[in-house]
Amino acid sequence: MLITEGNLAVDLRNKIDSKYQEVNDLWKDIKIPFITREEAEKAKNILIRKFGAKKFLPPFHSAMNPKAYRVFKPYICLSGDPTTLWKGWRRLIHSLSHKVYRRRFPQRWFDHSYQQAELELEMCKFVIDKGWLNQTLKSKVIILSKDEIKNKKLEKYKILISKWEFRLSKMERNLKTATKYIKKYNKKVKYLSK
C-alpha cells in the first residue's frame, strides 16, 4: 500500500480519536458528582502546579502560576447533569489540559492533538486516583455545641491575653531602656550647655 499525505492525516486523526475515546471511556463507569467553586479552585491549583511544573516546560520557561488562571462558571456544576463535557469536573480537566498543553508546547497551533489527549487522560487518572470525585476537596463542616463554642472562645481569649501580657512586658522593658537613655542624654546636654 502506498502511503500518501491523506492516509497519514487519516491515521493521525484515528489515533487522536482513539485517545479521546479512552478519556470518554474512563468517565463512563464513574459517578461524577457536582463540583463547588471551592473544590474547583483547589483542583485547579493542584493540577496546574503538578502538570504545569517547570520540569515539563520548555527551557527558560517558568512554572505555571495557578493564580493566573480563574475558575470559570462552566467548571462549577451545582445542578443539572455533571457527566457532560460542558460543565463540572470534565470541563475543568479538559480546559486545564488545554492550558497546560499550550504552555508545554508553545510552538504547536493545533490544540486537539494526540499529546493533548494523552495529557487530558493523565489528568483524569490523577483526579480519579486522588479520590477528588468522592468530594475529598470539600472543607469539612464541624458542628459544635454551645458549650464547645464557649470553650473555644475562652481558649482564644486566654491566648490573646497571654500575647498582650508578653507585649506589655516587652514595652515595659523598652520603656525602662528608653528612660535610661533619656537620662543619659539629658546629662550630656547639661554638661555641654555649661
Protein backbone atom coordinates (compact mmCIF):
# COMPACT_ATOMS: atom_id res chain seq x y z
CA MET A 1 0.00 0.00 0.00
CA LEU A 2 1.30 3.42 -0.94
CA ILE A 3 1.46 5.93 1.94
CA THR A 4 0.22 9.36 0.99
CA GLU A 5 -0.34 12.53 2.94
CA GLY A 6 -4.07 11.81 3.02
CA ASN A 7 -3.51 8.39 4.62
CA LEU A 8 -1.17 9.90 7.21
CA ALA A 9 -3.73 12.52 8.13
CA VAL A 10 -6.45 9.89 8.47
CA ASP A 11 -4.19 7.66 10.58
CA LEU A 12 -3.28 10.60 12.82
CA ARG A 13 -6.94 11.59 13.18
CA ASN A 14 -7.81 7.98 14.10
CA LYS A 15 -5.04 7.92 16.74
CA ILE A 16 -6.30 11.18 18.22
CA ASP A 17 -9.92 9.98 18.21
CA SER A 18 -8.95 6.69 19.86
CA LYS A 19 -7.08 8.57 22.62
CA TYR A 20 -10.08 10.85 23.25
CA GLN A 21 -12.26 7.73 23.28
CA GLU A 22 -10.06 6.39 26.09
CA VAL A 23 -10.76 9.57 28.04
CA ASN A 24 -14.51 9.23 27.43
CA ASP A 25 -14.44 5.53 28.37
CA LEU A 26 -12.67 6.41 31.60
CA TRP A 27 -15.59 8.64 32.62
CA LYS A 28 -18.34 6.16 31.60
CA ASP A 29 -18.15 3.90 34.66
CA ILE A 30 -17.67 6.66 37.20
CA LYS A 31 -20.40 8.51 39.06
CA ILE A 32 -19.37 12.12 38.58
CA PRO A 33 -20.55 14.33 41.46
CA PHE A 34 -21.40 18.02 41.44
CA ILE A 35 -18.49 20.41 41.99
CA THR A 36 -18.50 23.62 44.03
CA ARG A 37 -16.39 26.73 43.42
CA GLU A 38 -14.19 25.83 46.39
CA GLU A 39 -13.46 22.34 45.01
CA ALA A 40 -12.83 23.73 41.52
CA GLU A 41 -10.39 26.31 42.89
CA LYS A 42 -8.44 23.73 44.88
CA ALA A 43 -8.38 21.24 41.99
CA LYS A 44 -7.28 23.94 39.53
CA ASN A 45 -4.38 24.98 41.76
CA ILE A 46 -3.14 21.44 42.35
CA LEU A 47 -3.50 20.36 38.70
CA ILE A 48 -1.67 23.42 37.38
CA ARG A 49 1.11 23.03 39.95
CA LYS A 50 1.54 19.33 39.17
CA PHE A 51 1.20 19.27 35.37
CA GLY A 52 2.49 22.79 34.69
CA ALA A 53 5.68 22.34 36.72
CA LYS A 54 8.93 23.70 35.34
CA LYS A 55 10.29 20.21 34.61
CA PHE A 56 7.59 19.68 31.93
CA LEU A 57 8.02 23.05 30.23
CA PRO A 58 10.49 24.14 27.55
CA PRO A 59 13.85 25.52 28.71
CA PHE A 60 13.85 29.06 30.09
CA HIS A 61 10.10 28.93 30.86
CA SER A 62 8.97 29.39 34.43
CA ALA A 63 6.45 27.11 36.10
CA MET A 64 2.79 27.89 35.60
CA ASN A 65 1.26 30.11 38.27
CA PRO A 66 -2.19 28.84 39.38
CA LYS A 67 -3.21 32.37 40.41
CA ALA A 68 -3.00 33.47 36.77
CA TYR A 69 -5.95 31.22 35.88
CA ARG A 70 -9.51 31.83 37.03
CA VAL A 71 -12.26 29.38 37.87
CA PHE A 72 -14.84 29.91 35.14
CA LYS A 73 -18.56 29.31 35.52
CA PRO A 74 -18.60 26.10 33.39
CA TYR A 75 -16.15 24.49 35.85
CA ILE A 76 -18.80 24.69 38.57
CA CYS A 77 -21.77 22.34 38.48
CA LEU A 78 -24.30 22.54 41.30
CA SER A 79 -27.32 21.32 39.34
CA GLY A 80 -28.14 19.60 36.08
CA ASP A 81 -26.10 16.81 34.54
CA PRO A 82 -22.49 16.78 35.85
CA THR A 83 -21.48 13.98 33.43
CA THR A 84 -21.44 16.18 30.31
CA LEU A 85 -18.23 17.63 28.90
CA TRP A 86 -19.66 21.14 29.07
CA LYS A 87 -19.66 21.65 32.83
CA GLY A 88 -18.29 20.26 36.05
CA TRP A 89 -15.27 18.02 36.56
CA ARG A 90 -14.94 17.02 32.92
CA ARG A 91 -14.96 20.63 31.74
CA LEU A 92 -12.44 21.67 34.38
CA ILE A 93 -9.98 18.93 33.44
CA HIS A 94 -10.48 19.39 29.69
CA SER A 95 -9.91 23.16 29.84
CA LEU A 96 -6.92 22.91 32.16
CA SER A 97 -5.34 20.24 29.97
CA HIS A 98 -5.55 22.68 27.04
CA LYS A 99 -3.96 25.48 29.09
CA VAL A 100 -1.14 23.23 30.26
CA TYR A 101 -0.67 21.81 26.75
CA ARG A 102 -0.32 25.32 25.25
CA ARG A 103 2.30 26.13 27.87
CA ARG A 104 4.20 22.85 27.36
CA PHE A 105 4.19 23.12 23.55
CA PRO A 106 4.00 26.82 22.65
CA GLN A 107 5.11 26.21 19.06
CA ARG A 108 2.14 23.95 18.21
CA TRP A 109 -1.03 25.56 16.93
CA PHE A 110 -3.32 22.52 16.85
CA ASP A 111 -4.96 22.17 20.26
CA HIS A 112 -6.75 18.83 19.90
CA SER A 113 -3.66 16.75 19.25
CA TYR A 114 -2.55 13.33 20.40
CA GLN A 115 -0.28 14.78 23.10
CA GLN A 116 -3.10 16.96 24.43
CA ALA A 117 -5.40 13.93 24.59
CA GLU A 118 -2.69 11.98 26.46
CA LEU A 119 -2.28 14.88 28.89
CA GLU A 120 -6.03 15.02 29.48
CA LEU A 121 -6.12 11.26 30.09
CA GLU A 122 -3.24 11.58 32.56
CA MET A 123 -5.02 14.43 34.39
CA CYS A 124 -8.27 12.43 34.55
CA LYS A 125 -6.49 9.44 36.03
CA PHE A 126 -4.76 11.70 38.56
CA VAL A 127 -8.10 13.19 39.69
CA ILE A 128 -9.72 9.77 39.98
CA ASP A 129 -6.73 8.24 41.82
CA LYS A 130 -6.64 11.11 44.32
CA GLY A 131 -10.31 10.47 45.17
CA TRP A 132 -11.43 14.01 44.40
CA LEU A 133 -14.66 12.69 42.90
CA ASN A 134 -15.54 11.47 46.41
CA GLN A 135 -15.61 15.14 47.42
CA THR A 136 -12.37 15.00 49.41
CA LEU A 137 -11.53 18.58 48.39
CA LYS A 138 -14.55 19.98 50.21
CA SER A 139 -13.76 21.60 53.52
CA LYS A 140 -15.06 19.70 56.49
CA VAL A 141 -18.01 21.31 58.26
CA ILE A 142 -17.81 20.84 62.02
CA ILE A 143 -20.95 21.46 64.03
CA LEU A 144 -20.20 22.47 67.62
CA SER A 145 -22.49 22.63 70.62
CA LYS A 146 -22.91 25.89 72.57
CA ASP A 147 -20.55 24.68 75.30
CA GLU A 148 -17.86 23.75 72.75
CA ILE A 149 -18.19 27.17 71.10
CA LYS A 150 -17.89 28.86 74.50
CA ASN A 151 -14.79 26.79 75.40
CA LYS A 152 -13.14 27.61 72.05
CA LYS A 153 -13.76 31.31 72.60
CA LEU A 154 -12.34 31.08 76.14
CA GLU A 155 -9.19 29.38 74.84
CA LYS A 156 -8.82 32.01 72.13
CA TYR A 157 -9.18 34.87 74.64
CA LYS A 158 -6.69 33.26 77.03
CA ILE A 159 -4.15 33.03 74.20
CA LEU A 160 -4.79 36.69 73.30
CA ILE A 161 -4.35 37.75 76.94
CA SER A 162 -1.02 35.92 77.18
CA LYS A 163 0.18 37.54 73.93
CA TRP A 164 -0.75 41.02 75.17
CA GLU A 165 0.87 40.38 78.55
CA PHE A 166 4.07 39.45 76.73
CA ARG A 167 3.83 42.60 74.61
CA LEU A 168 3.22 44.68 77.74
CA SER A 169 6.29 43.24 79.48
CA LYS A 170 8.32 43.93 76.34
CA MET A 171 7.01 47.51 76.27
CA GLU A 172 7.89 47.95 79.96
CA ARG A 173 11.45 46.79 79.24
CA ASN A 174 11.64 49.16 76.29
CA LEU A 175 10.28 51.96 78.49
CA LYS A 176 13.00 51.33 81.11
CA THR A 177 15.64 51.32 78.40
CA ALA A 178 14.23 54.49 76.87
CA THR A 179 14.15 56.34 80.25
CA LYS A 180 17.72 55.25 80.94
CA TYR A 181 18.93 56.70 77.63
CA ILE A 182 16.86 59.88 78.10
CA LYS A 183 18.57 60.48 81.50
CA LYS A 184 21.98 59.75 79.97
CA TYR A 185 21.46 62.19 77.08
CA ASN A 186 19.98 64.86 79.40
CA LYS A 187 23.18 64.69 81.50
CA LYS A 188 25.28 65.13 78.36
CA VAL A 189 23.15 68.07 77.25
CA LYS A 190 23.54 69.72 80.72
CA TYR A 191 27.28 69.15 80.68
CA LEU A 192 27.70 70.58 77.18
CA SER A 193 25.45 73.59 77.82
CA LYS A 194 27.58 74.83 80.75
